[in-house]
Protein backbone atom coordinates (compact mmCIF):
# COMPACT_ATOMS: atom_id res chain seq x y z
CA MET A 1 -23.80 -6.09 39.28
CA THR A 2 -23.91 -3.35 36.63
CA ASN A 3 -21.11 -1.85 35.27
CA LYS A 4 -22.94 1.49 34.57
CA LYS A 5 -20.60 4.34 35.52
CA THR A 6 -21.61 8.36 35.73
CA THR A 7 -19.84 10.63 34.54
CA GLN A 8 -20.59 14.29 34.45
CA ASN A 9 -24.09 13.79 35.22
CA MET A 10 -23.90 11.33 32.38
CA THR A 11 -24.45 7.43 32.82
CA VAL A 12 -22.58 5.43 30.55
CA PHE A 13 -23.18 1.85 29.60
CA THR A 14 -21.44 -1.10 28.53
CA LEU A 15 -22.83 -2.93 25.13
CA LYS A 16 -25.02 -5.30 26.31
CA GLU A 17 -26.30 -2.96 29.16
CA ALA A 18 -27.05 -0.24 25.91
CA ALA A 19 -28.78 -3.16 24.40
CA ALA A 20 -30.80 -3.40 26.99
CA TYR A 21 -31.64 -0.03 27.24
CA LEU A 22 -32.62 0.46 23.69
CA LYS A 23 -34.53 -2.83 23.90
CA ILE A 24 -32.39 -4.19 21.04
CA SER A 25 -30.46 -6.93 20.19
CA ASP A 26 -26.38 -6.83 21.37
CA SER A 27 -25.88 -7.34 17.07
CA THR A 28 -27.92 -4.78 16.09
CA LEU A 29 -26.42 -2.05 18.82
CA TYR A 30 -22.89 -3.33 17.37
CA ARG A 31 -23.94 -2.55 13.72
CA ASN A 32 -24.84 0.81 14.34
CA ILE A 33 -22.16 1.44 16.23
CA LYS A 34 -19.26 -0.04 13.41
CA LYS A 35 -21.86 1.97 10.50
CA ASN A 36 -21.14 5.58 13.01
CA LYS A 37 -25.01 6.07 13.80
CA ILE A 38 -24.10 5.52 17.66
CA PRO A 39 -20.76 7.06 18.65
CA ALA A 40 -19.10 4.71 21.04
CA LYS A 41 -15.79 4.52 22.42
CA LYS A 42 -13.84 0.64 22.92
CA LEU A 43 -11.53 0.61 25.87
CA GLY A 44 -10.06 -2.78 25.20
CA LYS A 45 -12.22 -4.81 24.20
CA GLN A 46 -15.39 -3.11 26.30
CA TRP A 47 -17.33 -0.46 24.43
CA ARG A 48 -18.80 2.58 26.32
CA ILE A 49 -21.63 4.20 25.15
CA ASN A 50 -23.29 7.54 26.97
CA GLU A 51 -26.86 8.15 27.54
CA THR A 52 -27.04 11.01 25.53
CA ALA A 53 -26.17 9.34 22.30
CA LEU A 54 -28.42 6.26 23.28
CA ASN A 55 -31.55 8.70 23.27
CA ASN A 56 -30.69 10.48 20.58
CA TRP A 57 -30.97 7.45 18.54
CA LEU A 58 -33.90 6.47 19.98
CA MET A 59 -35.26 10.01 18.96
CA GLY A 60 -33.66 9.79 15.23
CA LYS A 61 -31.60 12.95 15.83
CA SER A 62 -27.95 13.28 14.01
CA THR A 63 -25.88 12.18 16.96
CA ASN A 64 -22.79 14.69 17.05
CA PRO A 65 -19.20 12.70 17.23
CA ASN A 66 -18.11 14.93 20.21
CA THR A 67 -20.69 13.39 22.40
CA VAL A 68 -18.40 10.01 22.99
CA VAL A 69 -17.90 10.31 26.39
CA LYS A 70 -14.83 10.68 27.51
CA LEU A 71 -13.33 8.62 30.17
CA GLU A 72 -10.45 8.67 31.92
CA ILE A 73 -9.45 4.86 31.79
CA LYS A 74 -6.66 4.57 29.58
CA ASP A 75 -7.16 2.94 26.77
CA LYS A 76 -5.41 -0.56 26.71
CA LYS A 77 -5.05 -0.24 22.73
CA SER A 78 -4.01 3.52 22.95
CA THR A 79 -1.29 3.35 20.18
CA ASN A 80 0.26 5.48 17.52
CA LYS A 81 0.14 2.31 15.23
CA LEU A 82 -2.61 1.93 12.30
CA ARG A 83 -4.02 -2.10 12.60
CA PHE A 84 -4.74 -4.15 9.40
CA ILE A 85 -5.97 -6.80 8.17
CA ASP A 86 -4.01 -8.31 4.91
CA LEU A 87 -6.33 -10.66 3.08
CA PHE A 88 -5.66 -13.03 -0.28
CA CYS A 89 -2.61 -11.94 1.55
CA GLY A 90 0.17 -14.01 -0.31
CA ILE A 91 3.77 -13.47 0.67
CA GLY A 92 3.25 -10.20 2.56
CA GLY A 93 3.94 -7.72 0.49
CA PHE A 94 1.10 -5.46 1.95
CA ARG A 95 2.42 -6.60 5.51
CA ARG A 96 6.14 -5.98 4.81
CA ALA A 97 5.01 -2.46 3.22
CA ALA A 98 2.60 -1.33 5.88
CA GLU A 99 5.29 -2.67 8.62
CA LYS A 100 7.66 -0.31 7.46
CA HIS A 101 5.39 2.46 8.07
CA ASN A 102 4.87 1.09 11.61
CA MET A 103 1.53 -0.46 11.14
CA GLU A 104 0.42 -3.29 12.77
CA CYS A 105 -0.97 -6.57 11.91
CA VAL A 106 -3.94 -7.96 13.25
CA PHE A 107 -5.55 -10.76 10.83
CA SER A 108 -4.51 -12.26 7.58
CA SER A 109 -6.12 -15.03 5.28
CA ASP A 110 -4.88 -17.32 2.52
CA ASN A 111 -6.05 -20.05 1.35
CA ASP A 112 -2.85 -21.49 -0.47
CA LYS A 113 -1.00 -23.97 2.07
CA PHE A 114 1.96 -22.91 -0.02
CA VAL A 115 1.77 -19.58 0.68
CA GLN A 116 0.87 -20.02 4.34
CA GLU A 117 4.28 -21.76 5.08
CA THR A 118 5.89 -19.18 3.38
CA TYR A 119 4.21 -16.23 5.41
CA SER A 120 4.58 -18.12 8.76
CA HIS A 121 8.31 -18.39 8.43
CA TRP A 122 8.56 -14.73 7.59
CA TYR A 123 6.34 -13.18 9.59
CA GLY A 124 6.17 -15.24 12.19
CA ASP A 125 2.20 -15.95 12.07
CA LYS A 126 0.56 -18.20 10.21
CA PRO A 127 -2.50 -16.96 7.64
CA HIS A 128 -6.03 -17.87 8.24
CA GLY A 129 -7.31 -20.10 5.59
CA ASP A 130 -10.57 -19.62 3.21
CA ILE A 131 -11.67 -15.88 3.90
CA THR A 132 -15.21 -16.83 3.41
CA ALA A 133 -15.33 -18.70 6.65
CA PHE A 134 -15.08 -15.56 8.27
CA THR A 135 -18.18 -13.32 6.30
CA GLU A 136 -20.96 -16.24 6.85
CA SER A 137 -22.61 -14.61 10.02
CA GLU A 138 -22.13 -11.64 12.10
CA GLU A 139 -20.67 -13.77 14.52
CA GLU A 140 -18.10 -15.18 12.27
CA LEU A 141 -17.27 -11.37 11.48
CA ASN A 142 -16.87 -10.58 14.91
CA LYS A 143 -13.86 -12.98 14.59
CA ILE A 144 -11.80 -10.43 12.87
CA ASP A 145 -10.05 -8.40 15.58
CA ASP A 146 -10.72 -4.90 15.48
CA PHE A 147 -8.73 -2.79 13.28
CA ASP A 148 -8.31 0.46 10.98
CA VAL A 149 -7.14 -0.46 7.43
CA LEU A 150 -8.23 -3.09 5.35
CA PHE A 151 -5.18 -4.30 2.37
CA ALA A 152 -6.79 -6.71 -0.35
CA GLY A 153 -5.11 -7.97 -3.39
CA PHE A 154 -8.23 -9.54 -4.59
CA PRO A 155 -8.72 -12.29 -7.44
CA CYS A 156 -11.11 -10.90 -10.35
CA GLN A 157 -14.33 -12.77 -11.15
CA PRO A 158 -16.98 -12.21 -13.34
CA PHE A 159 -19.87 -10.43 -11.61
CA SER A 160 -23.52 -10.83 -12.34
CA TYR A 161 -25.25 -8.25 -13.09
CA ALA A 162 -28.79 -9.84 -12.28
CA GLY A 163 -30.64 -7.25 -9.72
CA ARG A 164 -27.91 -4.68 -9.90
CA ASN A 165 -30.43 -2.33 -7.91
CA GLU A 166 -30.36 -4.69 -4.61
CA GLY A 167 -27.58 -3.72 -3.16
CA PHE A 168 -23.85 -4.86 -3.30
CA GLU A 169 -24.72 -8.26 -1.38
CA ASP A 170 -27.08 -8.50 -4.44
CA LYS A 171 -24.56 -7.22 -7.04
CA THR A 172 -21.00 -8.78 -6.10
CA ARG A 173 -22.62 -12.56 -4.24
CA GLY A 174 -20.73 -15.23 -5.90
CA THR A 175 -17.02 -13.17 -5.99
CA LEU A 176 -14.19 -13.11 -3.75
CA PHE A 177 -15.14 -9.52 -3.79
CA PHE A 178 -18.24 -9.92 -2.03
CA HIS A 179 -16.58 -11.52 0.86
CA VAL A 180 -13.83 -8.35 1.05
CA ALA A 181 -17.38 -5.92 0.76
CA LYS A 182 -18.74 -8.03 3.61
CA ILE A 183 -15.90 -7.41 6.02
CA LEU A 184 -15.86 -3.57 4.72
CA ASP A 185 -19.27 -3.14 5.45
CA HIS A 186 -19.53 -5.01 8.85
CA HIS A 187 -16.34 -3.42 10.79
CA LYS A 188 -16.18 -0.03 8.64
CA PRO A 189 -12.62 0.42 9.24
CA LYS A 190 -10.81 3.96 8.18
CA ALA A 191 -9.36 3.55 5.29
CA LEU A 192 -9.07 0.60 2.21
CA VAL A 193 -6.08 -0.51 0.06
CA LEU A 194 -7.21 -2.68 -3.19
CA GLU A 195 -5.07 -4.02 -5.72
CA ASN A 196 -5.89 -5.73 -8.61
CA VAL A 197 -4.57 -6.02 -12.73
CA LYS A 198 -4.67 -3.34 -15.48
CA GLY A 199 -7.31 -5.07 -16.95
CA LEU A 200 -9.94 -4.86 -13.91
CA LYS A 201 -10.84 -1.34 -15.90
CA SER A 202 -11.84 -2.82 -18.87
CA HIS A 203 -13.16 -6.38 -17.46
CA ASN A 204 -16.67 -7.00 -18.67
CA LYS A 205 -16.76 -3.64 -20.93
CA GLY A 206 -15.68 -1.65 -17.54
CA GLU A 207 -18.81 -3.18 -15.73
CA THR A 208 -17.22 -4.85 -13.22
CA LEU A 209 -14.92 -1.92 -12.02
CA GLU A 210 -18.00 0.04 -11.48
CA THR A 211 -19.70 -2.25 -9.67
CA ILE A 212 -16.80 -1.94 -7.13
CA ARG A 213 -16.70 1.56 -6.87
CA GLU A 214 -20.31 1.96 -6.75
CA THR A 215 -20.12 -0.94 -4.21
CA LEU A 216 -17.42 1.09 -1.81
CA LYS A 217 -19.28 4.70 -2.30
CA GLU A 218 -21.90 2.77 -0.82
CA MET A 219 -20.61 2.03 2.06
CA GLY A 220 -19.29 5.46 2.58
CA TYR A 221 -15.71 5.34 1.45
CA THR A 222 -14.10 8.36 -0.60
CA LEU A 223 -11.66 6.75 -3.64
CA PHE A 224 -8.67 7.66 -4.77
CA GLU A 225 -7.39 5.37 -7.54
CA ASP A 226 -4.96 4.86 -10.61
CA ILE A 227 -2.85 2.49 -12.47
CA ILE A 228 0.62 2.53 -10.91
CA ASN A 229 3.63 0.40 -12.93
CA SER A 230 6.34 -0.59 -10.84
CA TYR A 231 8.76 0.10 -13.69
CA HIS A 232 8.55 4.40 -12.55
CA PHE A 233 9.76 3.13 -8.94
CA ASN A 234 13.10 1.93 -9.96
CA VAL A 235 12.44 -1.54 -10.82
CA PRO A 236 13.46 -3.08 -13.73
CA GLN A 237 9.89 -4.85 -14.67
CA TYR A 238 7.00 -3.03 -16.59
CA ARG A 239 4.58 -4.05 -14.17
CA GLU A 240 1.33 -2.52 -14.62
CA ARG A 241 -1.36 -2.69 -11.55
CA TRP A 242 -4.44 -1.29 -10.69
CA PHE A 243 -4.82 0.79 -6.74
CA CYS A 244 -7.32 1.68 -5.03
CA VAL A 245 -7.14 3.83 -1.75
CA GLY A 246 -10.62 3.96 -0.05
CA ILE A 247 -11.00 6.40 3.18
CA ARG A 248 -14.21 6.77 5.23
CA ASN A 249 -16.24 9.70 4.25
CA ASP A 250 -16.70 10.92 8.01
CA LEU A 251 -12.52 11.53 7.71
CA ILE A 252 -12.61 13.30 4.49
CA GLN A 253 -12.41 17.04 3.94
CA ASN A 254 -13.41 18.87 0.80
CA SER A 255 -9.73 19.49 0.28
CA ILE A 256 -8.45 17.04 -0.67
CA ASP A 257 -10.73 15.11 -3.06
CA SER A 258 -8.51 16.08 -5.44
CA PHE A 259 -5.64 14.12 -4.29
CA LYS A 260 -3.83 12.19 -6.53
CA LEU A 261 -1.90 9.17 -5.83
CA ASN A 262 2.38 9.16 -6.56
CA LYS A 263 2.54 7.22 -9.79
CA GLY A 264 6.17 7.27 -9.27
CA ASN A 265 9.24 8.60 -11.52
CA MET A 266 8.71 8.65 -15.43
CA ASN A 267 12.25 9.60 -16.18
CA LEU A 268 13.40 6.45 -14.74
CA LYS A 269 14.89 3.86 -16.81
CA PRO A 270 16.16 0.75 -14.77
CA GLU A 271 17.62 -2.45 -16.75
CA LEU A 272 17.70 -5.75 -15.63
CA HIS A 273 21.39 -6.40 -15.18
CA SER A 274 20.91 -4.04 -11.82
CA ILE A 275 19.28 -7.34 -10.05
CA LEU A 276 21.37 -9.83 -12.09
CA ASP A 277 23.76 -12.27 -10.05
CA ASN A 278 27.02 -11.87 -12.22
CA ASN A 279 28.35 -14.87 -9.98
CA ILE A 280 25.83 -17.49 -10.22
CA ASN A 281 26.59 -20.90 -11.48
CA SER A 282 24.80 -23.38 -13.78
CA LYS A 283 23.37 -25.38 -10.30
CA ASN A 284 21.87 -22.31 -9.28
CA ALA A 285 20.42 -20.58 -12.76
CA GLN A 286 18.17 -22.74 -15.11
CA LYS A 287 19.31 -22.61 -18.39
CA ILE A 288 17.01 -22.27 -21.74
CA PRO A 289 16.44 -25.09 -23.61
CA LEU A 290 18.09 -25.79 -26.09
CA PHE A 291 15.48 -25.83 -28.50
CA GLU A 292 15.01 -22.15 -28.16
CA LEU A 293 18.63 -21.15 -28.01
CA ASP A 294 18.69 -22.65 -31.52
CA ARG A 295 15.46 -20.74 -32.39
CA ILE A 296 17.48 -17.65 -31.28
CA ARG A 297 20.69 -18.02 -32.65
CA TYR A 298 18.79 -19.00 -36.23
CA HIS A 299 17.10 -15.31 -35.73
CA PHE A 300 20.36 -13.71 -35.33
CA SER A 301 21.94 -15.40 -38.10
CA ASN A 302 19.09 -15.06 -40.69
CA MET A 303 17.23 -11.67 -39.36
CA LYS A 304 19.24 -9.44 -42.28
CA HIS A 305 17.58 -11.91 -44.98
CA PHE A 306 14.23 -10.98 -44.28
CA GLU A 307 12.16 -7.67 -44.85
CA ASN A 308 11.48 -5.49 -41.95
CA GLY A 309 13.89 -8.29 -40.05
CA ARG A 310 10.89 -10.40 -39.38
CA VAL A 311 12.25 -13.83 -39.10
CA GLN A 312 10.32 -16.91 -40.41
CA HIS A 313 11.07 -20.16 -38.67
CA ASP A 314 10.96 -23.60 -40.42
CA ASN A 315 7.53 -25.07 -39.57
CA SER A 316 7.93 -28.70 -40.93
CA ARG A 317 8.84 -30.18 -37.40
CA TYR A 318 5.30 -29.14 -36.31
CA ALA A 319 2.40 -31.30 -37.25
CA PRO A 320 -0.03 -29.98 -40.17
CA GLU A 321 -2.81 -29.55 -38.40
CA THR A 322 -1.57 -27.40 -35.64
CA LYS A 323 -1.76 -23.56 -35.76
CA LYS A 324 2.48 -23.65 -35.68
CA GLY A 325 2.53 -25.88 -38.72
CA LYS A 326 -0.26 -24.46 -40.68
CA HIS A 327 0.45 -20.87 -40.27
CA GLY A 328 4.20 -20.84 -39.27
CA VAL A 329 6.55 -19.51 -36.67
CA TYR A 330 7.91 -16.28 -36.81
CA SER A 331 10.60 -13.64 -34.99
CA PHE A 332 11.06 -9.93 -34.66
CA LEU A 333 14.02 -8.32 -32.32
CA LYS A 334 12.04 -5.39 -31.19
CA PRO A 335 13.58 -1.48 -30.40
CA ASP A 336 13.69 -2.50 -26.33
CA LYS A 337 15.70 -5.59 -27.65
CA THR A 338 12.53 -7.52 -26.56
CA LEU A 339 12.96 -10.72 -28.98
CA ARG A 340 9.05 -12.13 -29.73
CA PHE A 341 8.21 -15.18 -31.46
CA HIS A 342 4.99 -15.75 -33.45
CA ILE A 343 2.55 -17.96 -34.70
CA GLY A 344 1.26 -15.97 -38.19
CA ASP A 345 2.47 -13.33 -40.54
CA VAL A 346 1.88 -10.09 -40.74
CA ALA A 347 -1.43 -10.62 -42.85
CA LYS A 348 -2.68 -12.83 -39.94
CA THR A 349 -3.83 -12.44 -36.35
CA GLN A 350 -0.63 -13.01 -34.82
CA ILE A 351 -0.47 -15.16 -31.64
CA GLN A 352 2.65 -14.69 -29.26
CA GLU A 353 4.71 -18.31 -28.53
CA ALA A 354 7.76 -17.09 -26.56
CA TYR A 355 9.81 -13.97 -26.03
CA TYR A 356 12.77 -13.39 -24.45
CA VAL A 357 14.59 -10.39 -22.74
CA HIS A 358 17.82 -8.53 -22.65
CA SER A 359 19.74 -7.41 -19.40
CA ASN A 360 19.59 -3.76 -21.01
CA THR A 361 16.09 -3.52 -20.85
CA TYR A 362 13.40 -4.41 -18.37
CA ALA A 363 11.31 -7.45 -17.72
CA PRO A 364 7.55 -8.32 -18.86
CA ALA A 365 5.43 -8.54 -15.62
CA ILE A 366 6.04 -11.78 -13.83
CA ILE A 367 3.40 -13.83 -13.41
CA ALA A 368 2.74 -17.55 -11.52
CA ASN A 369 3.29 -19.44 -14.41
CA ARG A 370 6.24 -17.15 -16.23
CA ARG A 371 9.37 -15.82 -15.22
CA PRO A 372 11.93 -13.75 -17.51
CA LYS A 373 14.20 -15.72 -19.88
CA LEU A 374 17.16 -13.61 -21.04
CA TRP A 375 18.47 -14.11 -24.24
CA ASP A 376 21.99 -12.45 -24.07
CA ILE A 377 22.95 -14.54 -20.81
CA GLN A 378 20.68 -17.55 -22.15
CA ARG A 379 19.40 -18.25 -18.88
CA PHE A 380 15.77 -17.60 -16.38
CA LEU A 381 16.09 -16.06 -13.94
CA THR A 382 16.65 -16.91 -10.50
CA VAL A 383 14.44 -16.52 -6.91
CA ARG A 384 16.84 -14.39 -5.73
CA GLU A 385 16.66 -11.89 -8.87
CA CYS A 386 12.87 -12.18 -9.32
CA LEU A 387 12.87 -10.96 -5.36
CA LYS A 388 14.75 -8.23 -5.78
CA LEU A 389 12.18 -8.18 -8.96
CA GLN A 390 9.18 -7.69 -6.76
CA ALA A 391 11.45 -5.20 -4.22
CA PHE A 392 11.26 -7.84 -1.31
CA PRO A 393 14.87 -8.10 0.48
CA GLU A 394 16.87 -10.17 -1.39
CA ASP A 395 18.32 -11.88 1.48
CA LEU A 396 14.50 -14.14 2.48
CA GLU A 397 14.75 -17.57 2.05
CA PHE A 398 11.96 -19.46 0.89
CA PRO A 399 10.84 -22.71 2.52
CA VAL A 400 9.49 -24.44 -0.41
CA SER A 401 10.29 -25.53 -3.59
CA ASP A 402 11.52 -23.52 -6.16
CA ALA A 403 8.49 -23.80 -8.04
CA GLN A 404 6.16 -22.77 -5.36
CA ALA A 405 8.64 -19.87 -4.82
CA PHE A 406 8.60 -18.41 -8.58
CA LYS A 407 4.88 -18.79 -8.74
CA GLN A 408 4.12 -17.24 -4.91
CA LEU A 409 6.77 -14.18 -6.25
CA GLY A 410 4.35 -13.92 -9.47
CA ASN A 411 0.90 -13.34 -7.73
CA SER A 412 2.60 -10.77 -5.42
CA VAL A 413 2.63 -7.24 -5.53
CA CYS A 414 5.90 -4.82 -6.00
CA VAL A 415 6.66 -3.90 -2.20
CA ALA A 416 8.18 -0.55 -3.65
CA VAL A 417 5.18 0.14 -5.31
CA VAL A 418 2.94 -0.53 -2.29
CA GLU A 419 4.89 1.23 0.19
CA SER A 420 4.25 4.17 -1.74
CA VAL A 421 0.45 3.69 -2.01
CA VAL A 422 0.59 3.08 1.78
CA LYS A 423 2.35 6.37 2.45
CA ASP A 424 -0.06 8.31 0.38
CA MET A 425 -3.26 6.40 2.22
CA LEU A 426 -1.33 8.11 5.62
CA ASN A 427 -0.67 11.01 3.97
CA ILE A 428 -4.45 11.32 3.52
CA LEU A 429 -6.11 10.37 6.67
CA ASP A 430 -3.37 12.88 8.05
CA MET A 431 -4.90 15.72 6.04
CA ALA A 432 -8.14 14.46 6.83
CA GLN A 433 -8.11 14.41 10.27
CA SER A 434 -6.26 15.53 13.63
CA LYS A 435 -4.22 13.47 15.10
CA THR A 436 -6.94 13.89 18.21
CA GLN A 437 -9.62 12.69 15.99
CA LEU A 438 -7.47 9.34 14.81
CA LYS A 439 -6.97 8.45 18.84
CA GLN A 440 -10.45 9.34 19.65
CA TYR A 441 -12.26 7.47 16.65
CA GLY A 442 -10.10 4.45 16.71
């Protein structure tokens, strides 16, 4: 029994029927549909392709998107919500921002079991593990539900440039970005948003980022990228990160090529005291160790005795063969009230040994193994304060240890920044295509 339909003298095929008609495999047909070479309409989980589109493809003619069959059967998935996947999801900073913009998560992945525990506790579904398992074959790639937007804060690894003219698979193989690229190339979503450290721009003299750009452009995406600082979104953390929005070329109009991502308000000067819990007790806050407090007190007691306020500390407590014993430890209070300790005098290459911030200034970027220490209140920031420093709701509870919570927050994106980037992405899509087009090619 055939599922073929005839609409206005036009035969409509299922994917399997269309593959048989063309005498190609189902997977080859599916790949051409995802690369927009053959227009098709998806109803629920079933593809519908009309005969004209198939014949045009057979004859090597470019197909007109308007030849996609107009079926009167209501699409089960017809919704105004854009569907997204959350790769290297961490604790869901991208997801929280996307859901605030009425988007729907259909797939998430992170191979850290403690991250999976937190993500599941907060969002109700457990992320899949290692994403590389989903890129091993076309069958595995098809296990990722259809989606409109890909989010990924992927780790940056060194790229091999041997044979770099062989396409993205050769250029990026062996890196985690390779697996992101495989998913993009297979599913061809409308848009993507990537995030990475600011240093990606200079990594390997800029070649790493250039390879990423080339790969995305080769796959048919127009890119909008910039370095964005959470400090300019009223968050007292100086966290500069590279963000990249990619929009599929067939959705782009020349009029939006000059679009710039919002970089926030440069006039904002948020301070740490705005996120501090002043009612905290000693049980909930880790104190700065006594040895460090003694060094801080020594600095302020003696800074007037040293030229330019650069205080030399007693290095006799350190073994002579160590860097501290050999070159000494120095401290200096910067104009932003950051107290920094270095190894080596001004004539030597200085190695930063430790630093402390003040509640009337901002924090440096928190990372997995570092959270701010405040010299004026003599303690570290708490988990709840770091939640606010990454613009998460402060009432969220971690189901893991504080050590894991700090690590997860340090690896997270700042939600306030991501909300802005997601909004920019949606604005570009709105400018690039009408609502009718969004539904038609969804």
